[in-house]
All heavy atoms as atom14 arrays in JSON, in Angstrom:
{
  "sequence": "LGSWLERLPGGLDSELGERGQRVSGGERQRIGLARALLARRPVLLLD",
  "atom14_mask": [
    [1, 1, 1, 1, 1, 1, 1, 1, 0, 0, 0, 0, 0, 0],
    [1, 1, 1, 1, 0, 0, 0, 0, 0, 0, 0, 0, 0, 0],
    [1, 1, 1, 1, 1, 1, 0, 0, 0, 0, 0, 0, 0, 0],
    [1, 1, 1, 1, 1, 1, 1, 1, 1, 1, 1, 1, 1, 1],
    [1, 1, 1, 1, 1, 1, 1, 1, 0, 0, 0, 0, 0, 0],
    [1, 1, 1, 1, 1, 1, 1, 1, 1, 0, 0, 0, 0, 0],
    [1, 1, 1, 1, 1, 1, 1, 1, 1, 1, 1, 0, 0, 0],
    [1, 1, 1, 1, 1, 1, 1, 1, 0, 0, 0, 0, 0, 0],
    [1, 1, 1, 1, 1, 1, 1, 0, 0, 0, 0, 0, 0, 0],
    [1, 1, 1, 1, 0, 0, 0, 0, 0, 0, 0, 0, 0, 0],
    [1, 1, 1, 1, 0, 0, 0, 0, 0, 0, 0, 0, 0, 0],
    [1, 1, 1, 1, 1, 1, 1, 1, 0, 0, 0, 0, 0, 0],
    [1, 1, 1, 1, 1, 1, 1, 1, 0, 0, 0, 0, 0, 0],
    [1, 1, 1, 1, 1, 1, 0, 0, 0, 0, 0, 0, 0, 0],
    [1, 1, 1, 1, 1, 1, 1, 1, 1, 0, 0, 0, 0, 0],
    [1, 1, 1, 1, 1, 1, 1, 1, 0, 0, 0, 0, 0, 0],
    [1, 1, 1, 1, 0, 0, 0, 0, 0, 0, 0, 0, 0, 0],
    [1, 1, 1, 1, 1, 1, 1, 1, 1, 0, 0, 0, 0, 0],
    [1, 1, 1, 1, 1, 1, 1, 1, 1, 1, 1, 0, 0, 0],
    [1, 1, 1, 1, 0, 0, 0, 0, 0, 0, 0, 0, 0, 0],
    [1, 1, 1, 1, 1, 1, 1, 1, 1, 0, 0, 0, 0, 0],
    [1, 1, 1, 1, 1, 1, 1, 1, 1, 1, 1, 0, 0, 0],
    [1, 1, 1, 1, 1, 1, 1, 0, 0, 0, 0, 0, 0, 0],
    [1, 1, 1, 1, 1, 1, 0, 0, 0, 0, 0, 0, 0, 0],
    [1, 1, 1, 1, 0, 0, 0, 0, 0, 0, 0, 0, 0, 0],
    [1, 1, 1, 1, 0, 0, 0, 0, 0, 0, 0, 0, 0, 0],
    [1, 1, 1, 1, 1, 1, 1, 1, 1, 0, 0, 0, 0, 0],
    [1, 1, 1, 1, 1, 1, 1, 1, 1, 1, 1, 0, 0, 0],
    [1, 1, 1, 1, 1, 1, 1, 1, 1, 0, 0, 0, 0, 0],
    [1, 1, 1, 1, 1, 1, 1, 1, 1, 1, 1, 0, 0, 0],
    [1, 1, 1, 1, 1, 1, 1, 1, 0, 0, 0, 0, 0, 0],
    [1, 1, 1, 1, 0, 0, 0, 0, 0, 0, 0, 0, 0, 0],
    [1, 1, 1, 1, 1, 1, 1, 1, 0, 0, 0, 0, 0, 0],
    [1, 1, 1, 1, 1, 0, 0, 0, 0, 0, 0, 0, 0, 0],
    [1, 1, 1, 1, 1, 1, 1, 1, 1, 1, 1, 0, 0, 0],
    [1, 1, 1, 1, 1, 0, 0, 0, 0, 0, 0, 0, 0, 0],
    [1, 1, 1, 1, 1, 1, 1, 1, 0, 0, 0, 0, 0, 0],
    [1, 1, 1, 1, 1, 1, 1, 1, 0, 0, 0, 0, 0, 0],
    [1, 1, 1, 1, 1, 0, 0, 0, 0, 0, 0, 0, 0, 0],
    [1, 1, 1, 1, 1, 1, 1, 1, 1, 1, 1, 0, 0, 0],
    [1, 1, 1, 1, 1, 1, 1, 1, 1, 1, 1, 0, 0, 0],
    [1, 1, 1, 1, 1, 1, 1, 0, 0, 0, 0, 0, 0, 0],
    [1, 1, 1, 1, 1, 1, 1, 0, 0, 0, 0, 0, 0, 0],
    [1, 1, 1, 1, 1, 1, 1, 1, 0, 0, 0, 0, 0, 0],
    [1, 1, 1, 1, 1, 1, 1, 1, 0, 0, 0, 0, 0, 0],
    [1, 1, 1, 1, 1, 1, 1, 1, 0, 0, 0, 0, 0, 0],
    [1, 1, 1, 1, 1, 1, 1, 1, 0, 0, 0, 0, 0, 0]
  ],
  "atom14_positions": [
    [[194.62, 192.28, -100.61], [196.07, 192.15, -100.44], [196.73, 191.47, -101.63], [197.86, 191.0, -101.53], [196.38, 191.35, -99.16], [196.06, 192.04, -97.84], [196.39, 191.11, -96.67], [196.82, 193.35, -97.68], [0.0, 0.0, 0.0], [0.0, 0.0, 0.0], [0.0, 0.0, 0.0], [0.0, 0.0, 0.0], [0.0, 0.0, 0.0], [0.0, 0.0, 0.0]],
    [[196.04, 191.43, -102.77], [196.6, 190.78, -103.95], [197.87, 191.44, -104.43], [198.89, 190.78, -104.68], [0.0, 0.0, 0.0], [0.0, 0.0, 0.0], [0.0, 0.0, 0.0], [0.0, 0.0, 0.0], [0.0, 0.0, 0.0], [0.0, 0.0, 0.0], [0.0, 0.0, 0.0], [0.0, 0.0, 0.0], [0.0, 0.0, 0.0], [0.0, 0.0, 0.0]],
    [[197.86, 192.77, -104.57], [199.06, 193.49, -105.03], [200.17, 193.42, -103.99], [201.35, 193.35, -104.34], [198.71, 194.94, -105.34], [198.17, 195.59, -104.2], [0.0, 0.0, 0.0], [0.0, 0.0, 0.0], [0.0, 0.0, 0.0], [0.0, 0.0, 0.0], [0.0, 0.0, 0.0], [0.0, 0.0, 0.0], [0.0, 0.0, 0.0], [0.0, 0.0, 0.0]],
    [[199.8, 193.43, -102.73], [200.8, 193.3, -101.66], [201.49, 191.95, -101.75], [202.71, 191.85, -101.6], [200.11, 193.46, -100.31], [200.95, 193.12, -99.12], [201.94, 193.87, -98.56], [200.87, 191.92, -98.33], [202.48, 193.22, -97.47], [201.84, 192.03, -97.31], [200.06, 190.79, -98.37], [202.02, 191.04, -96.34], [200.25, 189.79, -97.42], [201.22, 189.93, -96.43]],
    [[200.73, 190.89, -102.01], [201.3, 189.56, -102.14], [202.27, 189.5, -103.32], [203.34, 188.88, -103.22], [200.18, 188.53, -102.32], [200.62, 187.08, -102.59], [201.47, 186.56, -101.44], [199.41, 186.19, -102.81], [0.0, 0.0, 0.0], [0.0, 0.0, 0.0], [0.0, 0.0, 0.0], [0.0, 0.0, 0.0], [0.0, 0.0, 0.0], [0.0, 0.0, 0.0]],
    [[201.93, 190.16, -104.42], [202.81, 190.16, -105.59], [204.14, 190.85, -105.3], [205.17, 190.5, -105.89], [202.11, 190.84, -106.76], [200.91, 190.06, -107.3], [200.18, 190.83, -108.38], [200.62, 191.98, -108.68], [199.2, 190.31, -108.93], [0.0, 0.0, 0.0], [0.0, 0.0, 0.0], [0.0, 0.0, 0.0], [0.0, 0.0, 0.0], [0.0, 0.0, 0.0]],
    [[204.13, 191.8, -104.4], [205.37, 192.54, -104.07], [206.25, 191.8, -103.08], [207.42, 192.14, -102.92], [205.03, 193.92, -103.51], [204.38, 194.86, -104.53], [204.39, 196.29, -104.02], [203.68, 196.43, -102.76], [202.38, 196.7, -102.64], [201.64, 196.84, -103.74], [201.81, 196.83, -101.46], [0.0, 0.0, 0.0], [0.0, 0.0, 0.0], [0.0, 0.0, 0.0]],
    [[205.69, 190.82, -102.39], [206.51, 190.08, -101.42], [207.58, 189.28, -102.15], [207.28, 188.58, -103.13], [205.62, 189.12, -100.61], [204.66, 189.75, -99.6], [203.84, 188.67, -98.91], [205.41, 190.58, -98.58], [0.0, 0.0, 0.0], [0.0, 0.0, 0.0], [0.0, 0.0, 0.0], [0.0, 0.0, 0.0], [0.0, 0.0, 0.0], [0.0, 0.0, 0.0]],
    [[208.83, 189.35, -101.71], [209.92, 188.66, -102.43], [209.74, 187.15, -102.5], [210.1, 186.53, -103.49], [211.17, 189.03, -101.62], [210.66, 189.47, -100.28], [209.32, 190.08, -100.53], [0.0, 0.0, 0.0], [0.0, 0.0, 0.0], [0.0, 0.0, 0.0], [0.0, 0.0, 0.0], [0.0, 0.0, 0.0], [0.0, 0.0, 0.0], [0.0, 0.0, 0.0]],
    [[209.15, 186.57, -101.47], [208.97, 185.12, -101.46], [207.54, 184.68, -101.71], [207.24, 183.48, -101.58], [0.0, 0.0, 0.0], [0.0, 0.0, 0.0], [0.0, 0.0, 0.0], [0.0, 0.0, 0.0], [0.0, 0.0, 0.0], [0.0, 0.0, 0.0], [0.0, 0.0, 0.0], [0.0, 0.0, 0.0], [0.0, 0.0, 0.0], [0.0, 0.0, 0.0]],
    [[206.65, 185.61, -102.04], [205.26, 185.25, -102.26], [204.66, 184.64, -101.0], [204.84, 185.15, -99.89], [0.0, 0.0, 0.0], [0.0, 0.0, 0.0], [0.0, 0.0, 0.0], [0.0, 0.0, 0.0], [0.0, 0.0, 0.0], [0.0, 0.0, 0.0], [0.0, 0.0, 0.0], [0.0, 0.0, 0.0], [0.0, 0.0, 0.0], [0.0, 0.0, 0.0]],
    [[203.95, 183.54, -101.16], [203.32, 182.87, -100.03], [204.34, 182.32, -99.04], [204.01, 182.08, -97.87], [202.43, 181.73, -100.53], [201.16, 182.13, -101.29], [200.5, 180.9, -101.9], [200.19, 182.86, -100.36], [0.0, 0.0, 0.0], [0.0, 0.0, 0.0], [0.0, 0.0, 0.0], [0.0, 0.0, 0.0], [0.0, 0.0, 0.0], [0.0, 0.0, 0.0]],
    [[205.59, 182.12, -99.49], [206.63, 181.59, -98.61], [207.41, 182.68, -97.88], [208.43, 182.39, -97.24], [207.6, 180.73, -99.42], [206.93, 179.47, -99.98], [206.06, 178.94, -99.29], [207.27, 179.06, -101.11], [0.0, 0.0, 0.0], [0.0, 0.0, 0.0], [0.0, 0.0, 0.0], [0.0, 0.0, 0.0], [0.0, 0.0, 0.0], [0.0, 0.0, 0.0]],
    [[206.93, 183.91, -97.96], [207.61, 185.01, -97.27], [207.41, 184.9, -95.76], [206.3, 184.64, -95.28], [207.05, 186.36, -97.75], [207.3, 186.55, -99.12], [0.0, 0.0, 0.0], [0.0, 0.0, 0.0], [0.0, 0.0, 0.0], [0.0, 0.0, 0.0], [0.0, 0.0, 0.0], [0.0, 0.0, 0.0], [0.0, 0.0, 0.0], [0.0, 0.0, 0.0]],
    [[208.49, 185.09, -95.02], [208.42, 185.05, -93.56], [207.83, 186.37, -93.05], [208.22, 187.45, -93.5], [209.81, 184.84, -92.97], [210.45, 183.51, -93.32], [209.9, 182.37, -92.48], [209.28, 182.65, -91.43], [210.1, 181.21, -92.87], [0.0, 0.0, 0.0], [0.0, 0.0, 0.0], [0.0, 0.0, 0.0], [0.0, 0.0, 0.0], [0.0, 0.0, 0.0]],
    [[206.89, 186.28, -92.09], [206.21, 187.47, -91.58], [206.88, 188.03, -90.32], [206.49, 189.1, -89.85], [204.74, 187.16, -91.29], [203.94, 186.67, -92.49], [202.47, 186.52, -92.12], [204.09, 187.61, -93.68], [0.0, 0.0, 0.0], [0.0, 0.0, 0.0], [0.0, 0.0, 0.0], [0.0, 0.0, 0.0], [0.0, 0.0, 0.0], [0.0, 0.0, 0.0]],
    [[207.86, 187.33, -89.79], [208.59, 187.84, -88.63], [207.9, 187.52, -87.31], [206.74, 187.13, -87.27], [0.0, 0.0, 0.0], [0.0, 0.0, 0.0], [0.0, 0.0, 0.0], [0.0, 0.0, 0.0], [0.0, 0.0, 0.0], [0.0, 0.0, 0.0], [0.0, 0.0, 0.0], [0.0, 0.0, 0.0], [0.0, 0.0, 0.0], [0.0, 0.0, 0.0]],
    [[208.66, 187.71, -86.23], [208.13, 187.46, -84.9], [206.94, 188.36, -84.63], [207.01, 189.57, -84.76], [209.23, 187.73, -83.85], [208.85, 187.34, -82.44], [208.85, 185.85, -82.24], [209.57, 185.15, -82.97], [208.12, 185.38, -81.34], [0.0, 0.0, 0.0], [0.0, 0.0, 0.0], [0.0, 0.0, 0.0], [0.0, 0.0, 0.0], [0.0, 0.0, 0.0]],
    [[205.81, 187.74, -84.3], [204.54, 188.44, -84.05], [204.12, 189.31, -85.24], [203.47, 190.34, -85.08], [204.63, 189.29, -82.78], [204.89, 188.47, -81.52], [204.87, 189.32, -80.28], [205.11, 188.51, -79.09], [205.16, 189.0, -77.85], [204.96, 190.31, -77.65], [205.38, 188.22, -76.82], [0.0, 0.0, 0.0], [0.0, 0.0, 0.0], [0.0, 0.0, 0.0]],
    [[204.52, 188.9, -86.43], [204.11, 189.63, -87.62], [204.7, 191.01, -87.73], [204.07, 191.94, -88.26], [0.0, 0.0, 0.0], [0.0, 0.0, 0.0], [0.0, 0.0, 0.0], [0.0, 0.0, 0.0], [0.0, 0.0, 0.0], [0.0, 0.0, 0.0], [0.0, 0.0, 0.0], [0.0, 0.0, 0.0], [0.0, 0.0, 0.0], [0.0, 0.0, 0.0]],
    [[205.96, 191.19, -87.27], [206.56, 192.52, -87.25], [206.85, 193.06, -88.65], [207.1, 194.25, -88.8], [207.84, 192.49, -86.43], [208.93, 191.59, -87.01], [210.18, 191.56, -86.14], [210.23, 192.23, -85.13], [211.17, 190.79, -86.54], [0.0, 0.0, 0.0], [0.0, 0.0, 0.0], [0.0, 0.0, 0.0], [0.0, 0.0, 0.0], [0.0, 0.0, 0.0]],
    [[206.78, 192.2, -89.67], [207.07, 192.66, -91.03], [205.82, 193.06, -91.79], [205.88, 193.31, -93.0], [207.81, 191.57, -91.8], [209.17, 191.23, -91.21], [209.86, 190.11, -91.96], [211.11, 189.72, -91.3], [211.84, 188.68, -91.64], [211.45, 187.9, -92.64], [212.94, 188.39, -90.99], [0.0, 0.0, 0.0], [0.0, 0.0, 0.0], [0.0, 0.0, 0.0]],
    [[204.69, 193.12, -91.11], [203.45, 193.54, -91.76], [202.85, 194.7, -90.96], [203.1, 194.85, -89.77], [202.43, 192.39, -91.87], [202.98, 191.26, -92.73], [202.04, 191.86, -90.5], [0.0, 0.0, 0.0], [0.0, 0.0, 0.0], [0.0, 0.0, 0.0], [0.0, 0.0, 0.0], [0.0, 0.0, 0.0], [0.0, 0.0, 0.0], [0.0, 0.0, 0.0]],
    [[202.06, 195.52, -91.64], [201.42, 196.66, -90.97], [200.18, 196.2, -90.21], [199.75, 195.04, -90.33], [201.03, 197.71, -92.01], [199.97, 197.22, -92.84], [0.0, 0.0, 0.0], [0.0, 0.0, 0.0], [0.0, 0.0, 0.0], [0.0, 0.0, 0.0], [0.0, 0.0, 0.0], [0.0, 0.0, 0.0], [0.0, 0.0, 0.0], [0.0, 0.0, 0.0]],
    [[199.59, 197.13, -89.45], [198.38, 196.78, -88.7], [197.24, 196.38, -89.61], [196.52, 195.42, -89.33], [0.0, 0.0, 0.0], [0.0, 0.0, 0.0], [0.0, 0.0, 0.0], [0.0, 0.0, 0.0], [0.0, 0.0, 0.0], [0.0, 0.0, 0.0], [0.0, 0.0, 0.0], [0.0, 0.0, 0.0], [0.0, 0.0, 0.0], [0.0, 0.0, 0.0]],
    [[197.06, 197.12, -90.71], [195.99, 196.78, -91.65], [196.23, 195.45, -92.34], [195.29, 194.67, -92.56], [0.0, 0.0, 0.0], [0.0, 0.0, 0.0], [0.0, 0.0, 0.0], [0.0, 0.0, 0.0], [0.0, 0.0, 0.0], [0.0, 0.0, 0.0], [0.0, 0.0, 0.0], [0.0, 0.0, 0.0], [0.0, 0.0, 0.0], [0.0, 0.0, 0.0]],
    [[197.49, 195.17, -92.68], [197.81, 193.89, -93.32], [197.6, 192.73, -92.35], [197.06, 191.68, -92.71], [199.25, 193.92, -93.83], [199.45, 194.85, -95.01], [200.9, 195.24, -95.22], [201.76, 194.85, -94.38], [201.2, 195.94, -96.2], [0.0, 0.0, 0.0], [0.0, 0.0, 0.0], [0.0, 0.0, 0.0], [0.0, 0.0, 0.0], [0.0, 0.0, 0.0]],
    [[198.01, 192.93, -91.11], [197.82, 191.9, -90.08], [196.33, 191.6, -89.92], [195.92, 190.43, -89.85], [198.39, 192.39, -88.75], [198.11, 191.45, -87.58], [198.25, 192.2, -86.26], [199.59, 192.7, -86.08], [200.55, 192.03, -85.46], [200.29, 190.83, -84.96], [201.74, 192.54, -85.31], [0.0, 0.0, 0.0], [0.0, 0.0, 0.0], [0.0, 0.0, 0.0]],
    [[195.52, 192.66, -89.86], [194.09, 192.46, -89.67], [193.46, 191.7, -90.83], [192.63, 190.81, -90.64], [193.41, 193.82, -89.49], [192.02, 193.74, -88.9], [191.55, 195.1, -88.43], [191.8, 196.11, -89.09], [190.86, 195.15, -87.31], [0.0, 0.0, 0.0], [0.0, 0.0, 0.0], [0.0, 0.0, 0.0], [0.0, 0.0, 0.0], [0.0, 0.0, 0.0]],
    [[193.9, 192.03, -92.04], [193.32, 191.34, -93.2], [193.84, 189.91, -93.34], [193.14, 189.05, -93.88], [193.59, 192.16, -94.46], [192.63, 193.35, -94.59], [192.85, 194.15, -95.84], [193.99, 195.03, -95.71], [194.39, 195.88, -96.66], [193.74, 195.91, -97.82], [195.42, 196.67, -96.47], [0.0, 0.0, 0.0], [0.0, 0.0, 0.0], [0.0, 0.0, 0.0]],
    [[195.04, 189.64, -92.85], [195.51, 188.25, -92.81], [194.62, 187.43, -91.88], [194.23, 186.29, -92.2], [196.98, 188.19, -92.36], [197.9, 188.75, -93.47], [197.4, 186.76, -92.02], [199.33, 188.94, -93.04], [0.0, 0.0, 0.0], [0.0, 0.0, 0.0], [0.0, 0.0, 0.0], [0.0, 0.0, 0.0], [0.0, 0.0, 0.0], [0.0, 0.0, 0.0]],
    [[194.28, 188.0, -90.72], [193.37, 187.32, -89.81], [192.0, 187.11, -90.43], [191.37, 186.07, -90.24], [0.0, 0.0, 0.0], [0.0, 0.0, 0.0], [0.0, 0.0, 0.0], [0.0, 0.0, 0.0], [0.0, 0.0, 0.0], [0.0, 0.0, 0.0], [0.0, 0.0, 0.0], [0.0, 0.0, 0.0], [0.0, 0.0, 0.0], [0.0, 0.0, 0.0]],
    [[191.53, 188.11, -91.16], [190.24, 188.0, -91.83], [190.27, 186.94, -92.92], [189.33, 186.13, -93.06], [189.85, 189.37, -92.42], [188.54, 189.45, -93.18], [187.38, 189.02, -92.31], [188.33, 190.87, -93.7], [0.0, 0.0, 0.0], [0.0, 0.0, 0.0], [0.0, 0.0, 0.0], [0.0, 0.0, 0.0], [0.0, 0.0, 0.0], [0.0, 0.0, 0.0]],
    [[191.35, 186.91, -93.7], [191.5, 185.89, -94.75], [191.52, 184.5, -94.13], [190.94, 183.55, -94.68], [192.79, 186.14, -95.53], [0.0, 0.0, 0.0], [0.0, 0.0, 0.0], [0.0, 0.0, 0.0], [0.0, 0.0, 0.0], [0.0, 0.0, 0.0], [0.0, 0.0, 0.0], [0.0, 0.0, 0.0], [0.0, 0.0, 0.0], [0.0, 0.0, 0.0]],
    [[192.14, 184.37, -92.98], [192.18, 183.08, -92.29], [190.77, 182.64, -91.9], [190.41, 181.46, -92.04], [193.08, 183.21, -91.06], [193.54, 181.92, -90.46], [194.81, 182.11, -89.65], [194.74, 183.18, -88.67], [195.81, 183.74, -88.1], [197.02, 183.34, -88.42], [195.67, 184.69, -87.22], [0.0, 0.0, 0.0], [0.0, 0.0, 0.0], [0.0, 0.0, 0.0]],
    [[189.96, 183.58, -91.41], [188.59, 183.25, -91.01], [187.76, 182.84, -92.22], [186.96, 181.9, -92.16], [187.96, 184.44, -90.3], [0.0, 0.0, 0.0], [0.0, 0.0, 0.0], [0.0, 0.0, 0.0], [0.0, 0.0, 0.0], [0.0, 0.0, 0.0], [0.0, 0.0, 0.0], [0.0, 0.0, 0.0], [0.0, 0.0, 0.0], [0.0, 0.0, 0.0]],
    [[187.93, 183.55, -93.34], [187.18, 183.21, -94.55], [187.59, 181.85, -95.09], [186.77, 181.08, -95.58], [187.39, 184.29, -95.62], [186.82, 185.68, -95.32], [187.24, 186.66, -96.4], [185.31, 185.63, -95.21], [0.0, 0.0, 0.0], [0.0, 0.0, 0.0], [0.0, 0.0, 0.0], [0.0, 0.0, 0.0], [0.0, 0.0, 0.0], [0.0, 0.0, 0.0]],
    [[188.88, 181.56, -94.98], [189.4, 180.29, -95.49], [188.87, 179.1, -94.71], [188.77, 177.99, -95.25], [190.93, 180.32, -95.44], [191.7, 179.19, -96.13], [191.5, 179.26, -97.64], [193.19, 179.3, -95.79], [0.0, 0.0, 0.0], [0.0, 0.0, 0.0], [0.0, 0.0, 0.0], [0.0, 0.0, 0.0], [0.0, 0.0, 0.0], [0.0, 0.0, 0.0]],
    [[188.5, 179.31, -93.46], [188.08, 178.2, -92.59], [186.77, 177.56, -93.06], [186.5, 176.39, -92.78], [187.94, 178.68, -91.16], [0.0, 0.0, 0.0], [0.0, 0.0, 0.0], [0.0, 0.0, 0.0], [0.0, 0.0, 0.0], [0.0, 0.0, 0.0], [0.0, 0.0, 0.0], [0.0, 0.0, 0.0], [0.0, 0.0, 0.0], [0.0, 0.0, 0.0]],
    [[185.93, 178.35, -93.74], [184.66, 177.84, -94.27], [183.78, 177.23, -93.17], [183.18, 176.16, -93.35], [184.89, 176.8, -95.37], [185.54, 177.37, -96.61], [185.74, 176.3, -97.65], [186.36, 176.82, -98.87], [186.75, 176.06, -99.89], [186.57, 174.76, -99.84], [187.31, 176.6, -100.95], [0.0, 0.0, 0.0], [0.0, 0.0, 0.0], [0.0, 0.0, 0.0]],
    [[183.68, 177.89, -92.05], [182.83, 177.41, -90.97], [181.46, 178.07, -91.06], [181.31, 179.15, -91.63], [183.5, 177.68, -89.62], [184.76, 176.84, -89.45], [185.4, 177.02, -88.11], [186.57, 176.15, -87.97], [187.35, 176.12, -86.9], [187.09, 176.92, -85.87], [188.37, 175.29, -86.84], [0.0, 0.0, 0.0], [0.0, 0.0, 0.0], [0.0, 0.0, 0.0]],
    [[180.44, 177.45, -90.47], [179.07, 177.95, -90.66], [178.77, 179.29, -90.0], [177.79, 179.94, -90.35], [178.2, 176.84, -90.06], [179.11, 176.05, -89.18], [180.47, 176.16, -89.78], [0.0, 0.0, 0.0], [0.0, 0.0, 0.0], [0.0, 0.0, 0.0], [0.0, 0.0, 0.0], [0.0, 0.0, 0.0], [0.0, 0.0, 0.0], [0.0, 0.0, 0.0]],
    [[179.6, 179.7, -89.03], [179.4, 180.99, -88.38], [180.69, 181.81, -88.53], [181.77, 181.32, -88.22], [179.05, 180.83, -86.88], [178.87, 182.2, -86.23], [177.8, 179.99, -86.71], [0.0, 0.0, 0.0], [0.0, 0.0, 0.0], [0.0, 0.0, 0.0], [0.0, 0.0, 0.0], [0.0, 0.0, 0.0], [0.0, 0.0, 0.0], [0.0, 0.0, 0.0]],
    [[180.54, 183.03, -89.0], [181.68, 183.93, -89.21], [181.58, 185.07, -88.21], [180.63, 185.86, -88.25], [181.66, 184.46, -90.64], [182.92, 185.07, -91.23], [184.1, 184.12, -91.13], [182.67, 185.48, -92.68], [0.0, 0.0, 0.0], [0.0, 0.0, 0.0], [0.0, 0.0, 0.0], [0.0, 0.0, 0.0], [0.0, 0.0, 0.0], [0.0, 0.0, 0.0]],
    [[182.54, 185.14, -87.3], [182.52, 186.11, -86.2], [183.71, 187.05, -86.37], [184.86, 186.65, -86.19], [182.59, 185.37, -84.87], [182.59, 186.19, -83.58], [181.35, 187.06, -83.48], [182.68, 185.26, -82.37], [0.0, 0.0, 0.0], [0.0, 0.0, 0.0], [0.0, 0.0, 0.0], [0.0, 0.0, 0.0], [0.0, 0.0, 0.0], [0.0, 0.0, 0.0]],
    [[183.44, 188.3, -86.72], [184.49, 189.27, -87.04], [184.43, 190.45, -86.08], [183.43, 191.16, -86.02], [184.33, 189.75, -88.49], [184.13, 188.68, -89.56], [183.96, 189.32, -90.93], [185.28, 187.69, -89.56], [0.0, 0.0, 0.0], [0.0, 0.0, 0.0], [0.0, 0.0, 0.0], [0.0, 0.0, 0.0], [0.0, 0.0, 0.0], [0.0, 0.0, 0.0]],
    [[185.52, 190.66, -85.36], [185.59, 191.74, -84.37], [186.39, 192.9, -84.94], [187.6, 192.81, -85.12], [186.24, 191.21, -83.08], [186.11, 192.18, -81.92], [185.57, 193.29, -82.13], [186.52, 191.84, -80.81], [0.0, 0.0, 0.0], [0.0, 0.0, 0.0], [0.0, 0.0, 0.0], [0.0, 0.0, 0.0], [0.0, 0.0, 0.0], [0.0, 0.0, 0.0]]
  ]
}
């Protein structure tokens, strides 16, 4: 999502909207995945 982030008008400060309505299904899923990777926990559970 690097290029997608560059296109966002506010970058990391861009609002994603109620229930993430401003992102697609694939973008939503990868945001959740990025969150899991960022947590740095010993077990990674991806559904």
